[in-house]
PDB file of all heavy atoms in Angstrom:
ATOM      1  N   THR A   1      31.728  14.087  -4.922  1.00  0.00           N
ATOM      2  CA  THR A   1      32.491  14.169  -3.677  1.00  0.00           C
ATOM      3  C   THR A   1      31.578  14.005  -2.468  1.00  0.00           C
ATOM      4  O   THR A   1      30.598  14.746  -2.310  1.00  0.00           O
ATOM      5  CB  THR A   1      33.223  15.521  -3.577  1.00  0.00           C
ATOM      6  OG1 THR A   1      34.075  15.683  -4.722  1.00  0.00           O
ATOM      7  CG2 THR A   1      34.080  15.571  -2.318  1.00  0.00           C
ATOM      8  N   THR A   2      31.890  13.018  -1.644  1.00  0.00           N
ATOM      9  CA  THR A   2      31.153  12.817  -0.392  1.00  0.00           C
ATOM     10  C   THR A   2      32.076  12.891   0.824  1.00  0.00           C
ATOM     11  O   THR A   2      31.602  12.914   1.962  1.00  0.00           O
ATOM     12  CB  THR A   2      30.450  11.440  -0.389  1.00  0.00           C
ATOM     13  OG1 THR A   2      31.434  10.398  -0.556  1.00  0.00           O
ATOM     14  CG2 THR A   2      29.421  11.349  -1.511  1.00  0.00           C
ATOM     15  N   LEU A   3      33.378  12.918   0.592  1.00  0.00           N
ATOM     16  CA  LEU A   3      34.342  12.917   1.690  1.00  0.00           C
ATOM     17  C   LEU A   3      34.327  14.256   2.419  1.00  0.00           C
ATOM     18  O   LEU A   3      34.504  15.306   1.796  1.00  0.00           O
ATOM     19  CB  LEU A   3      35.753  12.639   1.156  1.00  0.00           C
ATOM     20  CG  LEU A   3      36.868  12.531   2.193  1.00  0.00           C
ATOM     21  CD1 LEU A   3      36.720  11.243   2.987  1.00  0.00           C
ATOM     22  CD2 LEU A   3      38.237  12.595   1.519  1.00  0.00           C
ATOM     23  N   PRO A   4      34.134  14.260   3.712  1.00  0.00           N
ATOM     24  CA  PRO A   4      34.171  15.526   4.458  1.00  0.00           C
ATOM     25  C   PRO A   4      35.612  15.982   4.702  1.00  0.00           C
ATOM     26  O   PRO A   4      36.536  15.171   4.760  1.00  0.00           O
ATOM     27  CB  PRO A   4      33.483  15.171   5.778  1.00  0.00           C
ATOM     28  CG  PRO A   4      33.781  13.717   5.972  1.00  0.00           C
ATOM     29  CD  PRO A   4      33.781  13.115   4.593  1.00  0.00           C
ATOM     30  N   GLU A   5      35.774  17.275   4.825  1.00  0.00           N
ATOM     31  CA  GLU A   5      37.090  17.799   5.192  1.00  0.00           C
ATOM     32  C   GLU A   5      37.368  17.485   6.662  1.00  0.00           C
ATOM     33  O   GLU A   5      36.458  17.504   7.496  1.00  0.00           O
ATOM     34  CB  GLU A   5      37.151  19.307   4.953  1.00  0.00           C
ATOM     35  CG  GLU A   5      37.075  19.692   3.492  1.00  0.00           C
ATOM     36  CD  GLU A   5      37.481  21.135   3.250  1.00  0.00           C
ATOM     37  OE1 GLU A   5      37.727  21.853   4.237  1.00  0.00           O
ATOM     38  OE2 GLU A   5      37.569  21.543   2.071  1.00  0.00           O
ATOM     39  N   ARG A   6      38.639  17.207   6.949  1.00  0.00           N
ATOM     40  CA  ARG A   6      39.022  16.885   8.319  1.00  0.00           C
ATOM     41  C   ARG A   6      40.321  17.605   8.660  1.00  0.00           C
ATOM     42  O   ARG A   6      41.275  17.604   7.875  1.00  0.00           O
ATOM     43  CB  ARG A   6      39.218  15.378   8.491  1.00  0.00           C
ATOM     44  CG  ARG A   6      37.942  14.557   8.299  1.00  0.00           C
ATOM     45  CD  ARG A   6      38.218  13.072   8.377  1.00  0.00           C
ATOM     46  NE  ARG A   6      37.001  12.288   8.193  1.00  0.00           N
ATOM     47  CZ  ARG A   6      36.974  10.963   8.091  1.00  0.00           C
ATOM     48  NH1 ARG A   6      38.106  10.275   8.172  1.00  0.00           N
ATOM     49  NH2 ARG A   6      35.837  10.318   7.917  1.00  0.00           N
ATOM     50  N   HIS A   7      40.329  18.220   9.839  1.00  0.00           N
ATOM     51  CA  HIS A   7      41.551  18.886  10.293  1.00  0.00           C
ATOM     52  C   HIS A   7      42.241  18.102  11.405  1.00  0.00           C
ATOM     53  O   HIS A   7      43.330  18.456  11.836  1.00  0.00           O
ATOM     54  CB  HIS A   7      41.239  20.301  10.780  1.00  0.00           C
ATOM     55  CG  HIS A   7      40.386  20.340  12.009  1.00  0.00           C
ATOM     56  ND1 HIS A   7      39.006  20.269  11.974  1.00  0.00           N
ATOM     57  CD2 HIS A   7      40.723  20.430  13.333  1.00  0.00           C
ATOM     58  CE1 HIS A   7      38.530  20.309  13.204  1.00  0.00           C
ATOM     59  NE2 HIS A   7      39.547  20.395  14.054  1.00  0.00           N
ATOM     60  N   ASP A   8      41.570  17.031  11.864  1.00  0.00           N
ATOM     61  CA  ASP A   8      42.172  16.187  12.897  1.00  0.00           C
ATOM     62  C   ASP A   8      41.728  14.749  12.646  1.00  0.00           C
ATOM     63  O   ASP A   8      40.580  14.391  12.894  1.00  0.00           O
ATOM     64  CB  ASP A   8      41.737  16.642  14.285  1.00  0.00           C
ATOM     65  CG  ASP A   8      42.446  15.873  15.400  1.00  0.00           C
ATOM     66  OD1 ASP A   8      43.403  15.131  15.082  1.00  0.00           O
ATOM     67  OD2 ASP A   8      42.037  16.003  16.564  1.00  0.00           O
ATOM     68  N   ARG A   9      42.648  13.944  12.159  1.00  0.00           N
ATOM     69  CA  ARG A   9      42.333  12.559  11.820  1.00  0.00           C
ATOM     70  C   ARG A   9      43.521  11.663  12.159  1.00  0.00           C
ATOM     71  O   ARG A   9      44.629  12.148  12.429  1.00  0.00           O
ATOM     72  CB  ARG A   9      42.006  12.416  10.331  1.00  0.00           C
ATOM     73  CG  ARG A   9      43.191  12.727   9.430  1.00  0.00           C
ATOM     74  CD  ARG A   9      42.931  12.416   7.980  1.00  0.00           C
ATOM     75  NE  ARG A   9      44.128  12.679   7.169  1.00  0.00           N
ATOM     76  CZ  ARG A   9      44.225  12.403   5.871  1.00  0.00           C
ATOM     77  NH1 ARG A   9      43.212  11.857   5.227  1.00  0.00           N
ATOM     78  NH2 ARG A   9      45.340  12.676   5.221  1.00  0.00           N
ATOM     79  N   ILE A  10      43.297  10.380  12.121  1.00  0.00           N
ATOM     80  CA  ILE A  10      44.381   9.405  12.255  1.00  0.00           C
ATOM     81  C   ILE A  10      45.084   9.254  10.909  1.00  0.00           C
ATOM     82  O   ILE A  10      44.437   9.136   9.865  1.00  0.00           O
ATOM     83  CB  ILE A  10      43.837   8.050  12.730  1.00  0.00           C
ATOM     84  CG1 ILE A  10      43.359   8.147  14.180  1.00  0.00           C
ATOM     85  CG2 ILE A  10      44.894   6.954  12.595  1.00  0.00           C
ATOM     86  CD1 ILE A  10      42.726   6.874  14.704  1.00  0.00           C
ATOM     87  N   LEU A  11      46.410   9.288  10.938  1.00  0.00           N
ATOM     88  CA  LEU A  11      47.187   9.013   9.739  1.00  0.00           C
ATOM     89  C   LEU A  11      47.862   7.664   9.938  1.00  0.00           C
ATOM     90  O   LEU A  11      48.703   7.506  10.824  1.00  0.00           O
ATOM     91  CB  LEU A  11      48.221  10.112   9.489  1.00  0.00           C
ATOM     92  CG  LEU A  11      48.887  10.127   8.105  1.00  0.00           C
ATOM     93  CD1 LEU A  11      49.409  11.531   7.786  1.00  0.00           C
ATOM     94  CD2 LEU A  11      50.027   9.126   7.992  1.00  0.00           C
ATOM     95  N   CYS A  12      47.465   6.696   9.128  1.00  0.00           N
ATOM     96  CA  CYS A  12      47.969   5.336   9.296  1.00  0.00           C
ATOM     97  C   CYS A  12      48.207   4.730   7.925  1.00  0.00           C
ATOM     98  O   CYS A  12      47.426   4.959   6.984  1.00  0.00           O
ATOM     99  CB  CYS A  12      46.970   4.497  10.084  1.00  0.00           C
ATOM    100  SG  CYS A  12      47.485   2.778  10.339  1.00  0.00           S
ATOM    101  N   GLY A  13      49.258   3.972   7.801  1.00  0.00           N
ATOM    102  CA  GLY A  13      49.512   3.341   6.516  1.00  0.00           C
ATOM    103  C   GLY A  13      50.654   2.351   6.569  1.00  0.00           C
ATOM    104  O   GLY A  13      51.394   2.269   7.558  1.00  0.00           O
ATOM    105  N   GLU A  14      50.770   1.597   5.507  1.00  0.00           N
ATOM    106  CA  GLU A  14      51.866   0.640   5.333  1.00  0.00           C
ATOM    107  C   GLU A  14      52.819   1.205   4.299  1.00  0.00           C
ATOM    108  O   GLU A  14      52.429   1.495   3.168  1.00  0.00           O
ATOM    109  CB  GLU A  14      51.311  -0.711   4.885  1.00  0.00           C
ATOM    110  CG  GLU A  14      52.373  -1.800   4.813  1.00  0.00           C
ATOM    111  CD  GLU A  14      51.761  -3.169   4.544  1.00  0.00           C
ATOM    112  OE1 GLU A  14      51.258  -3.793   5.490  1.00  0.00           O
ATOM    113  OE2 GLU A  14      51.780  -3.586   3.377  1.00  0.00           O
ATOM    114  N   LEU A  15      54.062   1.350   4.695  1.00  0.00           N
ATOM    115  CA  LEU A  15      55.043   2.069   3.871  1.00  0.00           C
ATOM    116  C   LEU A  15      55.987   1.120   3.148  1.00  0.00           C
ATOM    117  O   LEU A  15      56.462   0.137   3.714  1.00  0.00           O
ATOM    118  CB  LEU A  15      55.842   3.035   4.740  1.00  0.00           C
ATOM    119  CG  LEU A  15      56.853   3.925   4.023  1.00  0.00           C
ATOM    120  CD1 LEU A  15      56.771   5.357   4.546  1.00  0.00           C
ATOM    121  CD2 LEU A  15      58.276   3.396   4.212  1.00  0.00           C
ATOM    122  N   PHE A  16      56.235   1.456   1.878  1.00  0.00           N
ATOM    123  CA  PHE A  16      57.265   0.808   1.060  1.00  0.00           C
ATOM    124  C   PHE A  16      58.230   1.894   0.633  1.00  0.00           C
ATOM    125  O   PHE A  16      57.819   2.942   0.125  1.00  0.00           O
ATOM    126  CB  PHE A  16      56.633   0.144  -0.161  1.00  0.00           C
ATOM    127  CG  PHE A  16      57.631  -0.339  -1.192  1.00  0.00           C
ATOM    128  CD1 PHE A  16      58.125  -1.629  -1.150  1.00  0.00           C
ATOM    129  CD2 PHE A  16      58.072   0.506  -2.202  1.00  0.00           C
ATOM    130  CE1 PHE A  16      59.035  -2.076  -2.095  1.00  0.00           C
ATOM    131  CE2 PHE A  16      58.989   0.069  -3.153  1.00  0.00           C
ATOM    132  CZ  PHE A  16      59.470  -1.222  -3.101  1.00  0.00           C
ATOM    133  N   CYS A  17      59.515   1.666   0.851  1.00  0.00           N
ATOM    134  CA  CYS A  17      60.528   2.657   0.486  1.00  0.00           C
ATOM    135  C   CYS A  17      61.703   1.947  -0.180  1.00  0.00           C
ATOM    136  O   CYS A  17      62.209   0.946   0.336  1.00  0.00           O
ATOM    137  CB  CYS A  17      60.994   3.407   1.737  1.00  0.00           C
ATOM    138  SG  CYS A  17      62.200   4.707   1.404  1.00  0.00           S
ATOM    139  N   LYS A  18      62.113   2.454  -1.329  1.00  0.00           N
ATOM    140  CA  LYS A  18      63.225   1.867  -2.073  1.00  0.00           C
ATOM    141  C   LYS A  18      64.105   2.985  -2.598  1.00  0.00           C
ATOM    142  O   LYS A  18      63.608   3.973  -3.133  1.00  0.00           O
ATOM    143  CB  LYS A  18      62.685   1.019  -3.238  1.00  0.00           C
ATOM    144  CG  LYS A  18      63.750   0.374  -4.112  1.00  0.00           C
ATOM    145  CD  LYS A  18      63.088  -0.432  -5.228  1.00  0.00           C
ATOM    146  CE  LYS A  18      64.105  -1.034  -6.179  1.00  0.00           C
ATOM    147  NZ  LYS A  18      63.451  -1.781  -7.289  1.00  0.00           N
ATOM    148  N   TRP A  19      65.413   2.828  -2.429  1.00  0.00           N
ATOM    149  CA  TRP A  19      66.326   3.865  -2.882  1.00  0.00           C
ATOM    150  C   TRP A  19      67.470   3.271  -3.689  1.00  0.00           C
ATOM    151  O   TRP A  19      67.794   2.085  -3.584  1.00  0.00           O
ATOM    152  CB  TRP A  19      66.866   4.670  -1.703  1.00  0.00           C
ATOM    153  CG  TRP A  19      67.545   3.873  -0.631  1.00  0.00           C
ATOM    154  CD1 TRP A  19      68.863   3.530  -0.557  1.00  0.00           C
ATOM    155  CD2 TRP A  19      66.921   3.298   0.541  1.00  0.00           C
ATOM    156  NE1 TRP A  19      69.104   2.784   0.571  1.00  0.00           N
ATOM    157  CE2 TRP A  19      67.942   2.636   1.265  1.00  0.00           C
ATOM    158  CE3 TRP A  19      65.627   3.284   1.039  1.00  0.00           C
ATOM    159  CZ2 TRP A  19      67.682   1.974   2.451  1.00  0.00           C
ATOM    160  CZ3 TRP A  19      65.372   2.620   2.226  1.00  0.00           C
ATOM    161  CH2 TRP A  19      66.396   1.980   2.924  1.00  0.00           C
ATOM    162  N   SER A  20      68.071   4.128  -4.489  1.00  0.00           N
ATOM    163  CA  SER A  20      69.176   3.720  -5.362  1.00  0.00           C
ATOM    164  C   SER A  20      70.450   4.419  -4.931  1.00  0.00           C
ATOM    165  O   SER A  20      70.450   5.619  -4.632  1.00  0.00           O
ATOM    166  CB  SER A  20      68.861   4.077  -6.817  1.00  0.00           C
ATOM    167  OG  SER A  20      70.021   3.934  -7.623  1.00  0.00           O
ATOM    168  N   TYR A  21      71.529   3.640  -4.904  1.00  0.00           N
ATOM    169  CA  TYR A  21      72.841   4.213  -4.630  1.00  0.00           C
ATOM    170  C   TYR A  21      73.548   4.646  -5.911  1.00  0.00           C
ATOM    171  O   TYR A  21      74.650   5.181  -5.858  1.00  0.00           O
ATOM    172  CB  TYR A  21      73.723   3.177  -3.914  1.00  0.00           C
ATOM    173  CG  TYR A  21      73.249   2.814  -2.536  1.00  0.00           C
ATOM    174  CD1 TYR A  21      72.668   1.586  -2.262  1.00  0.00           C
ATOM    175  CD2 TYR A  21      73.385   3.705  -1.479  1.00  0.00           C
ATOM    176  CE1 TYR A  21      72.236   1.250  -0.989  1.00  0.00           C
ATOM    177  CE2 TYR A  21      72.959   3.382  -0.198  1.00  0.00           C
ATOM    178  CZ  TYR A  21      72.388   2.147   0.033  1.00  0.00           C
ATOM    179  OH  TYR A  21      71.962   1.821   1.294  1.00  0.00           O
ATOM    180  N   GLY A  22      72.923   4.367  -7.063  1.00  0.00           N
ATOM    181  CA  GLY A  22      73.638   4.594  -8.302  1.00  0.00           C
ATOM    182  C   GLY A  22      74.685   3.519  -8.473  1.00  0.00           C
ATOM    183  O   GLY A  22      74.495   2.365  -8.083  1.00  0.00           O
ATOM    184  N   GLU A  23      75.819   3.884  -9.013  1.00  0.00           N
ATOM    185  CA  GLU A  23      76.889   2.905  -9.212  1.00  0.00           C
ATOM    186  C   GLU A  23      77.456   2.486  -7.864  1.00  0.00           C
ATOM    187  O   GLU A  23      77.669   3.304  -6.971  1.00  0.00           O
ATOM    188  CB  GLU A  23      77.989   3.500 -10.091  1.00  0.00           C
ATOM    189  CG  GLU A  23      78.970   2.474 -10.627  1.00  0.00           C
ATOM    190  CD  GLU A  23      79.860   3.028 -11.733  1.00  0.00           C
ATOM    191  OE1 GLU A  23      79.425   3.972 -12.399  1.00  0.00           O
ATOM    192  OE2 GLU A  23      80.969   2.510 -11.900  1.00  0.00           O
ATOM    193  N   CYS A  24      77.692   1.188  -7.726  1.00  0.00           N
ATOM    194  CA  CYS A  24      78.090   0.630  -6.435  1.00  0.00           C
ATOM    195  C   CYS A  24      79.474   1.127  -6.005  1.00  0.00           C
ATOM    196  O   CYS A  24      80.408   1.173  -6.792  1.00  0.00           O
ATOM    197  CB  CYS A  24      78.100  -0.890  -6.516  1.00  0.00           C
ATOM    198  SG  CYS A  24      78.607  -1.670  -4.980  1.00  0.00           S
ATOM    199  N   LYS A  25      79.560   1.518  -4.728  1.00  0.00           N
ATOM    200  CA  LYS A  25      80.824   1.911  -4.127  1.00  0.00           C
ATOM    201  C   LYS A  25      80.963   1.203  -2.774  1.00  0.00           C
ATOM    202  O   LYS A  25      80.087   0.462  -2.365  1.00  0.00           O
ATOM    203  CB  LYS A  25      80.894   3.432  -3.967  1.00  0.00           C
ATOM    204  CG  LYS A  25      80.868   4.192  -5.294  1.00  0.00           C
ATOM    205  CD  LYS A  25      80.954   5.690  -5.084  1.00  0.00           C
ATOM    206  CE  LYS A  25      80.914   6.435  -6.404  1.00  0.00           C
ATOM    207  NZ  LYS A  25      80.963   7.905  -6.219  1.00  0.00           N
ATOM    208  N   ASP A  26      82.057   1.456  -2.109  1.00  0.00           N
ATOM    209  CA  ASP A  26      82.338   0.796  -0.831  1.00  0.00           C
ATOM    210  C   ASP A  26      81.615   1.543   0.285  1.00  0.00           C
ATOM    211  O   ASP A  26      82.193   2.375   0.984  1.00  0.00           O
ATOM    212  CB  ASP A  26      83.844   0.766  -0.584  1.00  0.00           C
ATOM    213  CG  ASP A  26      84.188  -0.052   0.650  1.00  0.00           C
ATOM    214  OD1 ASP A  26      83.340  -0.862   1.068  1.00  0.00           O
ATOM    215  OD2 ASP A  26      85.292   0.136   1.203  1.00  0.00           O
ATOM    216  N   PHE A  27      80.313   1.251   0.443  1.00  0.00           N
ATOM    217  CA  PHE A  27      79.502   1.910   1.447  1.00  0.00           C
ATOM    218  C   PHE A  27      79.342   1.019   2.678  1.00  0.00           C
ATOM    219  O   PHE A  27      79.415  -0.199   2.581  1.00  0.00           O
ATOM    220  CB  PHE A  27      78.103   2.230   0.904  1.00  0.00           C
ATOM    221  CG  PHE A  27      78.091   3.206  -0.252  1.00  0.00           C
ATOM    222  CD1 PHE A  27      77.202   3.031  -1.301  1.00  0.00           C
ATOM    223  CD2 PHE A  27      78.944   4.284  -0.284  1.00  0.00           C
ATOM    224  CE1 PHE A  27      77.166   3.919  -2.361  1.00  0.00           C
ATOM    225  CE2 PHE A  27      78.924   5.186  -1.343  1.00  0.00           C
ATOM    226  CZ  PHE A  27      78.032   5.006  -2.373  1.00  0.00           C
ATOM    227  N   ASP A  28      79.072   1.655   3.811  1.00  0.00           N
ATOM    228  CA  ASP A  28      78.666   0.925   5.009  1.00  0.00           C
ATOM    229  C   ASP A  28      77.151   0.783   4.923  1.00  0.00           C
ATOM    230  O   ASP A  28      76.397   1.614   5.436  1.00  0.00           O
ATOM    231  CB  ASP A  28      79.079   1.674   6.269  1.00  0.00           C
ATOM    232  CG  ASP A  28      78.784   0.890   7.552  1.00  0.00           C
ATOM    233  OD1 ASP A  28      77.939  -0.030   7.502  1.00  0.00           O
ATOM    234  OD2 ASP A  28      79.384   1.209   8.594  1.00  0.00           O
ATOM    235  N   PHE A  29      76.690  -0.283   4.268  1.00  0.00           N
ATOM    236  CA  PHE A  29      75.268  -0.423   3.968  1.00  0.00           C
ATOM    237  C   PHE A  29      74.414  -0.547   5.228  1.00  0.00           C
ATOM    238  O   PHE A  29      73.301  -0.024   5.279  1.00  0.00           O
ATOM    239  CB  PHE A  29      75.044  -1.639   3.067  1.00  0.00           C
ATOM    240  CG  PHE A  29      75.616  -1.473   1.680  1.00  0.00           C
ATOM    241  CD1 PHE A  29      76.721  -2.217   1.282  1.00  0.00           C
ATOM    242  CD2 PHE A  29      75.047  -0.596   0.787  1.00  0.00           C
ATOM    243  CE1 PHE A  29      77.241  -2.079   0.007  1.00  0.00           C
ATOM    244  CE2 PHE A  29      75.563  -0.449  -0.492  1.00  0.00           C
ATOM    245  CZ  PHE A  29      76.671  -1.186  -0.885  1.00  0.00           C
ATOM    246  N   ASN A  30      74.925  -1.234   6.246  1.00  0.00           N
ATOM    247  CA  ASN A  30      74.151  -1.382   7.481  1.00  0.00           C
ATOM    248  C   ASN A  30      73.918  -0.032   8.152  1.00  0.00           C
ATOM    249  O   ASN A  30      72.813   0.266   8.616  1.00  0.00           O
ATOM    250  CB  ASN A  30      74.865  -2.324   8.447  1.00  0.00           C
ATOM    251  CG  ASN A  30      74.843  -3.765   7.983  1.00  0.00           C
ATOM    252  OD1 ASN A  30      73.913  -4.202   7.308  1.00  0.00           O
ATOM    253  ND2 ASN A  30      75.867  -4.518   8.332  1.00  0.00           N
ATOM    254  N   CYS A  31      74.940   0.785   8.182  1.00  0.00           N
ATOM    255  CA  CYS A  31      74.839   2.105   8.814  1.00  0.00           C
ATOM    256  C   CYS A  31      73.885   2.995   8.028  1.00  0.00           C
ATOM    257  O   CYS A  31      73.055   3.709   8.624  1.00  0.00           O
ATOM    258  CB  CYS A  31      76.229   2.738   8.895  1.00  0.00           C
ATOM    259  SG  CYS A  31      76.248   4.379   9.657  1.00  0.00           S
ATOM    260  N   ILE A  32      73.985   2.970   6.699  1.00  0.00           N
ATOM    261  CA  ILE A  32      73.114   3.802   5.865  1.00  0.00           C
ATOM    262  C   ILE A  32      71.668   3.383   6.020  1.00  0.00           C
ATOM    263  O   ILE A  32      70.759   4.219   6.153  1.00  0.00           O
ATOM    264  CB  ILE A  32      73.550   3.713   4.388  1.00  0.00           C
ATOM    265  CG1 ILE A  32      74.927   4.354   4.207  1.00  0.00           C
ATOM    266  CG2 ILE A  32      72.525   4.399   3.478  1.00  0.00           C
ATOM    267  CD1 ILE A  32      75.509   4.163   2.821  1.00  0.00           C
ATOM    268  N   TRP A  33      71.403   2.066   6.021  1.00  0.00           N
ATOM    269  CA  TRP A  33      70.023   1.591   6.143  1.00  0.00           C
ATOM    270  C   TRP A  33      69.419   2.048   7.470  1.00  0.00           C
ATOM    271  O   TRP A  33      68.275   2.501   7.518  1.00  0.00           O
ATOM    272  CB  TRP A  33      69.979   0.068   6.034  1.00  0.00           C
ATOM    273  CG  TRP A  33      68.588  -0.464   5.903  1.00  0.00           C
ATOM    274  CD1 TRP A  33      67.890  -0.713   4.750  1.00  0.00           C
ATOM    275  CD2 TRP A  33      67.696  -0.797   6.981  1.00  0.00           C
ATOM    276  NE1 TRP A  33      66.629  -1.171   5.051  1.00  0.00           N
ATOM    277  CE2 TRP A  33      66.478  -1.242   6.406  1.00  0.00           C
ATOM    278  CE3 TRP A  33      67.802  -0.775   8.364  1.00  0.00           C
ATOM    279  CZ2 TRP A  33      65.392  -1.647   7.169  1.00  0.00           C
ATOM    280  CZ3 TRP A  33      66.717  -1.169   9.141  1.00  0.00           C
ATOM    281  CH2 TRP A  33      65.529  -1.602   8.535  1.00  0.00           C
ATOM    282  N   LYS A  34      70.184   1.936   8.531  1.00  0.00           N
ATOM    283  CA  LYS A  34      69.696   2.349   9.847  1.00  0.00           C
ATOM    284  C   LYS A  34      69.401   3.848   9.871  1.00  0.00           C
ATOM    285  O   LYS A  34      68.390   4.289  10.436  1.00  0.00           O
ATOM    286  CB  LYS A  34      70.731   1.997  10.916  1.00  0.00           C
ATOM    287  CG  LYS A  34      70.276   2.332  12.332  1.00  0.00           C
ATOM    288  CD  LYS A  34      71.325   1.936  13.356  1.00  0.00           C
ATOM    289  CE  LYS A  34      70.870   2.286  14.769  1.00  0.00           C
ATOM    290  NZ  LYS A  34      71.908   1.937  15.786  1.00  0.00           N
ATOM    291  N   LYS A  35      70.250   4.633   9.229  1.00  0.00           N
ATOM    292  CA  LYS A  35      70.064   6.083   9.208  1.00  0.00           C
ATOM    293  C   LYS A  35      68.805   6.453   8.427  1.00  0.00           C
ATOM    294  O   LYS A  35      68.038   7.332   8.840  1.00  0.00           O
ATOM    295  CB  LYS A  35      71.294   6.749   8.584  1.00  0.00           C
ATOM    296  CG  LYS A  35      71.335   8.254   8.736  1.00  0.00           C
ATOM    297  CD  LYS A  35      72.668   8.803   8.255  1.00  0.00           C
ATOM    298  CE  LYS A  35      72.753  10.317   8.478  1.00  0.00           C
ATOM    299  NZ  LYS A  35      74.067  10.849   8.021  1.00  0.00           N
ATOM    300  N   ILE A  36      68.554   5.763   7.302  1.00  0.00           N
ATOM    301  CA  ILE A  36      67.354   6.042   6.515  1.00  0.00           C
ATOM    302  C   ILE A  36      66.102   5.622   7.276  1.00  0.00           C
ATOM    303  O   ILE A  36      65.083   6.321   7.260  1.00  0.00           O
ATOM    304  CB  ILE A  36      67.443   5.339   5.147  1.00  0.00           C
ATOM    305  CG1 ILE A  36      68.569   5.960   4.321  1.00  0.00           C
ATOM    306  CG2 ILE A  36      66.116   5.430   4.384  1.00  0.00           C
ATOM    307  CD1 ILE A  36      68.837   5.258   3.003  1.00  0.00           C
ATOM    308  N   HIS A  37      66.169   4.491   7.956  1.00  0.00           N
ATOM    309  CA  HIS A  37      65.045   4.037   8.782  1.00  0.00           C
ATOM    310  C   HIS A  37      64.710   5.097   9.828  1.00  0.00           C
ATOM    311  O   HIS A  37      63.525   5.407  10.061  1.00  0.00           O
ATOM    312  CB  HIS A  37      65.402   2.704   9.439  1.00  0.00           C
ATOM    313  CG  HIS A  37      64.287   2.065  10.190  1.00  0.00           C
ATOM    314  ND1 HIS A  37      64.098   2.294  11.549  1.00  0.00           N
ATOM    315  CD2 HIS A  37      63.298   1.218   9.816  1.00  0.00           C
ATOM    316  CE1 HIS A  37      63.047   1.611  11.963  1.00  0.00           C
ATOM    317  NE2 HIS A  37      62.536   0.940  10.932  1.00  0.00           N
ATOM    318  N   GLU A  38      65.721   5.670  10.448  1.00  0.00           N
ATOM    319  CA  GLU A  38      65.497   6.719  11.444  1.00  0.00           C
ATOM    320  C   GLU A  38      64.897   7.966  10.809  1.00  0.00           C
ATOM    321  O   GLU A  38      64.018   8.614  11.402  1.00  0.00           O
ATOM    322  CB  GLU A  38      66.819   7.060  12.142  1.00  0.00           C
ATOM    323  CG  GLU A  38      67.360   5.942  13.023  1.00  0.00           C
ATOM    324  CD  GLU A  38      68.754   6.217  13.544  1.00  0.00           C
ATOM    325  OE1 GLU A  38      69.389   7.197  13.062  1.00  0.00           O
ATOM    326  OE2 GLU A  38      69.233   5.452  14.401  1.00  0.00           O
ATOM    327  N   CYS A  39      65.338   8.314   9.608  1.00  0.00           N
ATOM    328  CA  CYS A  39      64.781   9.471   8.899  1.00  0.00           C
ATOM    329  C   CYS A  39      63.299   9.281   8.600  1.00  0.00           C
ATOM    330  O   CYS A  39      62.497  10.216   8.735  1.00  0.00           O
ATOM    331  CB  CYS A  39      65.536   9.710   7.593  1.00  0.00           C
ATOM    332  SG  CYS A  39      67.188  10.417   7.770  1.00  0.00           S
ATOM    333  N   ILE A  40      62.928   8.070   8.189  1.00  0.00           N
ATOM    334  CA  ILE A  40      61.524   7.778   7.881  1.00  0.00           C
ATOM    335  C   ILE A  40      60.657   7.999   9.113  1.00  0.00           C
ATOM    336  O   ILE A  40      59.615   8.666   9.054  1.00  0.00           O
ATOM    337  CB  ILE A  40      61.382   6.336   7.363  1.00  0.00           C
ATOM    338  CG1 ILE A  40      62.036   6.185   5.987  1.00  0.00           C
ATOM    339  CG2 ILE A  40      59.909   5.928   7.291  1.00  0.00           C
ATOM    340  CD1 ILE A  40      62.125   4.748   5.501  1.00  0.00           C
ATOM    341  N   LEU A  41      61.079   7.464  10.235  1.00  0.00           N
ATOM    342  CA  LEU A  41      60.298   7.589  11.469  1.00  0.00           C
ATOM    343  C   LEU A  41      60.224   9.043  11.932  1.00  0.00           C
ATOM    344  O   LEU A  41      59.167   9.522  12.354  1.00  0.00           O
ATOM    345  CB  LEU A  41      60.897   6.715  12.569  1.00  0.00           C
ATOM    346  CG  LEU A  41      60.990   5.205  12.272  1.00  0.00           C
ATOM    347  CD1 LEU A  41      61.507   4.471  13.502  1.00  0.00           C
ATOM    348  CD2 LEU A  41      59.654   4.644  11.830  1.00  0.00           C
ATOM    349  N   GLU A  42      61.339   9.751  11.833  1.00  0.00           N
ATOM    350  CA  GLU A  42      61.362  11.147  12.267  1.00  0.00           C
ATOM    351  C   GLU A  42      60.467  12.020  11.400  1.00  0.00           C
ATOM    352  O   GLU A  42      59.699  12.846  11.908  1.00  0.00           O
ATOM    353  CB  GLU A  42      62.801  11.671  12.231  1.00  0.00           C
ATOM    354  CG  GLU A  42      62.915  13.130  12.647  1.00  0.00           C
ATOM    355  CD  GLU A  42      64.344  13.650  12.592  1.00  0.00           C
ATOM    356  OE1 GLU A  42      65.284  12.834  12.634  1.00  0.00           O
ATOM    357  OE2 GLU A  42      64.506  14.882  12.486  1.00  0.00           O
TER     358      GLU A  42
END
């Protein structure tokens, strides 16, 4: 181990997110996608 402990650092990354609806139903996919995008950022 050479990595020092840090209590204040930059957190940066490239995110991949994939979710399953299970069996397909009559969803408002555009609305759901936007809501999940907002959850990720929050």
